[in-house]
PDB file of N, CA and C in Angstrom:
ATOM      1  N   UNK A   1     -38.689   6.460 -59.093  1.00  0.00           N
ATOM      2  CA  UNK A   1     -40.101   6.645 -59.055  1.00  0.00           C
ATOM      3  C   UNK A   1     -40.657   5.831 -57.783  1.00  0.00           C
ATOM      4  N   UNK A   2     -41.829   6.453 -57.418  1.00  0.00           N
ATOM      5  CA  UNK A   2     -42.539   5.960 -56.340  1.00  0.00           C
ATOM      6  C   UNK A   2     -43.393   4.925 -56.629  1.00  0.00           C
ATOM      7  N   UNK A   3     -43.728   4.066 -55.525  1.00  0.00           N
ATOM      8  CA  UNK A   3     -44.875   2.824 -55.708  1.00  0.00           C
ATOM      9  C   UNK A   3     -46.065   3.370 -54.994  1.00  0.00           C
ATOM     10  N   UNK A   4     -46.117   4.527 -54.441  1.00  0.00           N
ATOM     11  CA  UNK A   4     -47.247   5.185 -53.711  1.00  0.00           C
ATOM     12  C   UNK A   4     -48.220   5.415 -54.853  1.00  0.00           C
ATOM     13  N   UNK A   5     -49.765   5.003 -54.239  1.00  0.00           N
ATOM     14  CA  UNK A   5     -50.918   5.210 -55.026  1.00  0.00           C
ATOM     15  C   UNK A   5     -51.937   6.259 -54.478  1.00  0.00           C
ATOM     16  N   UNK A   6     -51.421   7.504 -54.974  1.00  0.00           N
ATOM     17  CA  UNK A   6     -52.489   8.593 -54.394  1.00  0.00           C
ATOM     18  C   UNK A   6     -52.221   8.810 -53.126  1.00  0.00           C
ATOM     19  N   UNK A   7     -53.315   9.541 -52.261  1.00  0.00           N
ATOM     20  CA  UNK A   7     -53.104   9.965 -50.886  1.00  0.00           C
ATOM     21  C   UNK A   7     -54.419  10.423 -50.473  1.00  0.00           C
ATOM     22  N   UNK A   8     -54.279  10.923 -49.182  1.00  0.00           N
ATOM     23  CA  UNK A   8     -55.519  11.590 -48.602  1.00  0.00           C
ATOM     24  C   UNK A   8     -55.259  11.755 -47.166  1.00  0.00           C
ATOM     25  N   UNK A   9     -56.016  12.705 -46.664  1.00  0.00           N
ATOM     26  CA  UNK A   9     -56.047  12.970 -45.325  1.00  0.00           C
ATOM     27  C   UNK A   9     -57.326  12.785 -44.561  1.00  0.00           C
ATOM     28  N   UNK A  10     -57.539  12.069 -43.463  1.00  0.00           N
ATOM     29  CA  UNK A  10     -58.654  12.350 -42.833  1.00  0.00           C
ATOM     30  C   UNK A  10     -58.551  13.064 -41.260  1.00  0.00           C
ATOM     31  N   UNK A  11     -59.578  13.239 -40.752  1.00  0.00           N
ATOM     32  CA  UNK A  11     -59.627  13.708 -39.383  1.00  0.00           C
ATOM     33  C   UNK A  11     -59.225  12.763 -38.498  1.00  0.00           C
ATOM     34  N   UNK A  12     -58.360  12.926 -37.276  1.00  0.00           N
ATOM     35  CA  UNK A  12     -58.114  11.938 -36.410  1.00  0.00           C
ATOM     36  C   UNK A  12     -59.274  11.804 -35.627  1.00  0.00           C
ATOM     37  N   UNK A  13     -59.543  10.628 -35.276  1.00  0.00           N
ATOM     38  CA  UNK A  13     -60.574  10.227 -34.505  1.00  0.00           C
ATOM     39  C   UNK A  13     -60.144  10.133 -33.042  1.00  0.00           C
ATOM     40  N   UNK A  14     -58.946   9.969 -32.943  1.00  0.00           N
ATOM     41  CA  UNK A  14     -58.281   9.823 -31.552  1.00  0.00           C
ATOM     42  C   UNK A  14     -56.977  10.532 -31.337  1.00  0.00           C
ATOM     43  N   UNK A  15     -56.528  11.149 -30.606  1.00  0.00           N
ATOM     44  CA  UNK A  15     -55.338  12.032 -30.644  1.00  0.00           C
ATOM     45  C   UNK A  15     -53.812  10.854 -30.839  1.00  0.00           C
ATOM     46  N   UNK A  16     -53.908   9.608 -30.505  1.00  0.00           N
ATOM     47  CA  UNK A  16     -53.334   8.541 -30.511  1.00  0.00           C
ATOM     48  C   UNK A  16     -53.073   8.112 -31.907  1.00  0.00           C
ATOM     49  N   UNK A  17     -53.791   8.426 -32.643  1.00  0.00           N
ATOM     50  CA  UNK A  17     -54.080   7.976 -34.326  1.00  0.00           C
ATOM     51  C   UNK A  17     -52.754   8.274 -34.905  1.00  0.00           C
ATOM     52  N   UNK A  18     -52.109   7.568 -35.780  1.00  0.00           N
ATOM     53  CA  UNK A  18     -50.751   7.854 -36.526  1.00  0.00           C
ATOM     54  C   UNK A  18     -50.885   7.957 -37.998  1.00  0.00           C
ATOM     55  N   UNK A  19     -50.056   8.282 -38.936  1.00  0.00           N
ATOM     56  CA  UNK A  19     -50.140   8.098 -40.374  1.00  0.00           C
ATOM     57  C   UNK A  19     -49.822   6.540 -40.644  1.00  0.00           C
ATOM     58  N   UNK A  20     -50.456   6.353 -41.851  1.00  0.00           N
ATOM     59  CA  UNK A  20     -50.613   4.971 -42.429  1.00  0.00           C
ATOM     60  C   UNK A  20     -49.937   5.168 -43.943  1.00  0.00           C
ATOM     61  N   UNK A  21     -48.949   4.295 -44.298  1.00  0.00           N
ATOM     62  CA  UNK A  21     -48.573   4.370 -45.640  1.00  0.00           C
ATOM     63  C   UNK A  21     -48.729   3.363 -46.215  1.00  0.00           C
ATOM     64  N   UNK A  22     -49.487   3.275 -47.566  1.00  0.00           N
ATOM     65  CA  UNK A  22     -49.693   2.035 -48.118  1.00  0.00           C
ATOM     66  C   UNK A  22     -48.582   1.979 -49.163  1.00  0.00           C
ATOM     67  N   UNK A  23     -48.449   0.922 -49.790  1.00  0.00           N
ATOM     68  CA  UNK A  23     -47.237   0.660 -50.817  1.00  0.00           C
ATOM     69  C   UNK A  23     -47.666  -0.386 -51.601  1.00  0.00           C
ATOM     70  N   UNK A  24     -47.426  -0.263 -52.973  1.00  0.00           N
ATOM     71  CA  UNK A  24     -47.725  -1.457 -54.010  1.00  0.00           C
ATOM     72  C   UNK A  24     -46.133  -2.360 -54.197  1.00  0.00           C
ATOM     73  N   UNK A  25     -46.202  -3.500 -53.839  1.00  0.00           N
ATOM     74  CA  UNK A  25     -45.188  -4.359 -54.131  1.00  0.00           C
ATOM     75  C   UNK A  25     -45.339  -5.373 -55.147  1.00  0.00           C
ATOM     76  N   UNK A  26     -44.378  -6.161 -55.681  1.00  0.00           N
ATOM     77  CA  UNK A  26     -44.778  -7.233 -56.491  1.00  0.00           C
ATOM     78  C   UNK A  26     -44.905  -8.609 -55.615  1.00  0.00           C
ATOM     79  N   UNK A  27     -44.377  -8.492 -54.357  1.00  0.00           N
ATOM     80  CA  UNK A  27     -44.848  -9.829 -53.819  1.00  0.00           C
ATOM     81  C   UNK A  27     -44.635  -9.332 -52.192  1.00  0.00           C
ATOM     82  N   UNK A  28     -45.867  -9.879 -51.657  1.00  0.00           N
ATOM     83  CA  UNK A  28     -45.734  -9.334 -50.027  1.00  0.00           C
ATOM     84  C   UNK A  28     -44.891 -10.202 -49.552  1.00  0.00           C
ATOM     85  N   UNK A  29     -44.976 -11.384 -49.934  1.00  0.00           N
ATOM     86  CA  UNK A  29     -44.226 -12.356 -49.201  1.00  0.00           C
ATOM     87  C   UNK A  29     -42.801 -12.129 -49.034  1.00  0.00           C
ATOM     88  N   UNK A  30     -42.081 -11.772 -50.332  1.00  0.00           N
ATOM     89  CA  UNK A  30     -40.631 -11.364 -50.303  1.00  0.00           C
ATOM     90  C   UNK A  30     -40.239 -10.055 -49.514  1.00  0.00           C
ATOM     91  N   UNK A  31     -41.193  -8.993 -49.763  1.00  0.00           N
ATOM     92  CA  UNK A  31     -41.000  -7.638 -49.250  1.00  0.00           C
ATOM     93  C   UNK A  31     -41.104  -7.598 -47.739  1.00  0.00           C
ATOM     94  N   UNK A  32     -42.061  -8.470 -47.078  1.00  0.00           N
ATOM     95  CA  UNK A  32     -42.332  -8.719 -45.624  1.00  0.00           C
ATOM     96  C   UNK A  32     -40.952  -9.287 -44.983  1.00  0.00           C
ATOM     97  N   UNK A  33     -40.417 -10.274 -45.458  1.00  0.00           N
ATOM     98  CA  UNK A  33     -39.126 -10.497 -45.072  1.00  0.00           C
ATOM     99  C   UNK A  33     -38.028  -9.513 -45.038  1.00  0.00           C
ATOM    100  N   UNK A  34     -38.062  -8.817 -46.150  1.00  0.00           N
ATOM    101  CA  UNK A  34     -37.186  -7.398 -46.201  1.00  0.00           C
ATOM    102  C   UNK A  34     -37.312  -6.687 -45.140  1.00  0.00           C
ATOM    103  N   UNK A  35     -38.716  -6.017 -44.923  1.00  0.00           N
ATOM    104  CA  UNK A  35     -39.069  -5.446 -43.709  1.00  0.00           C
ATOM    105  C   UNK A  35     -38.418  -5.907 -42.498  1.00  0.00           C
ATOM    106  N   UNK A  36     -38.914  -7.166 -42.178  1.00  0.00           N
ATOM    107  CA  UNK A  36     -38.308  -7.677 -40.890  1.00  0.00           C
ATOM    108  C   UNK A  36     -36.797  -7.859 -40.887  1.00  0.00           C
ATOM    109  N   UNK A  37     -36.084  -8.023 -41.935  1.00  0.00           N
ATOM    110  CA  UNK A  37     -34.758  -8.037 -41.995  1.00  0.00           C
ATOM    111  C   UNK A  37     -34.111  -6.858 -41.521  1.00  0.00           C
ATOM    112  N   UNK A  38     -34.736  -5.424 -42.000  1.00  0.00           N
ATOM    113  CA  UNK A  38     -34.282  -4.297 -41.651  1.00  0.00           C
ATOM    114  C   UNK A  38     -34.638  -3.824 -40.175  1.00  0.00           C
ATOM    115  N   UNK A  39     -35.539  -4.731 -39.619  1.00  0.00           N
ATOM    116  CA  UNK A  39     -35.742  -4.454 -38.177  1.00  0.00           C
ATOM    117  C   UNK A  39     -37.082  -3.682 -37.869  1.00  0.00           C
ATOM    118  N   UNK A  40     -37.989  -3.739 -38.908  1.00  0.00           N
ATOM    119  CA  UNK A  40     -39.173  -3.083 -38.853  1.00  0.00           C
ATOM    120  C   UNK A  40     -40.305  -4.068 -38.836  1.00  0.00           C
ATOM    121  N   UNK A  41     -41.509  -3.650 -38.546  1.00  0.00           N
ATOM    122  CA  UNK A  41     -42.758  -4.617 -38.704  1.00  0.00           C
ATOM    123  C   UNK A  41     -43.931  -3.860 -39.378  1.00  0.00           C
ATOM    124  N   UNK A  42     -44.569  -4.879 -39.859  1.00  0.00           N
ATOM    125  CA  UNK A  42     -46.093  -4.014 -40.344  1.00  0.00           C
ATOM    126  C   UNK A  42     -47.281  -4.797 -40.084  1.00  0.00           C
TER     127      UNK A  42
END
């Protein structure tokens, strides 16, 4: 089951704009550590 809450599309204002994904997590502190441990950033 996904925690993604809906979605939408908007016109790019700049060609360098990129997709943004939002997720609902129980603890931002806990999950931010997991993200960094996996080598990513947010």
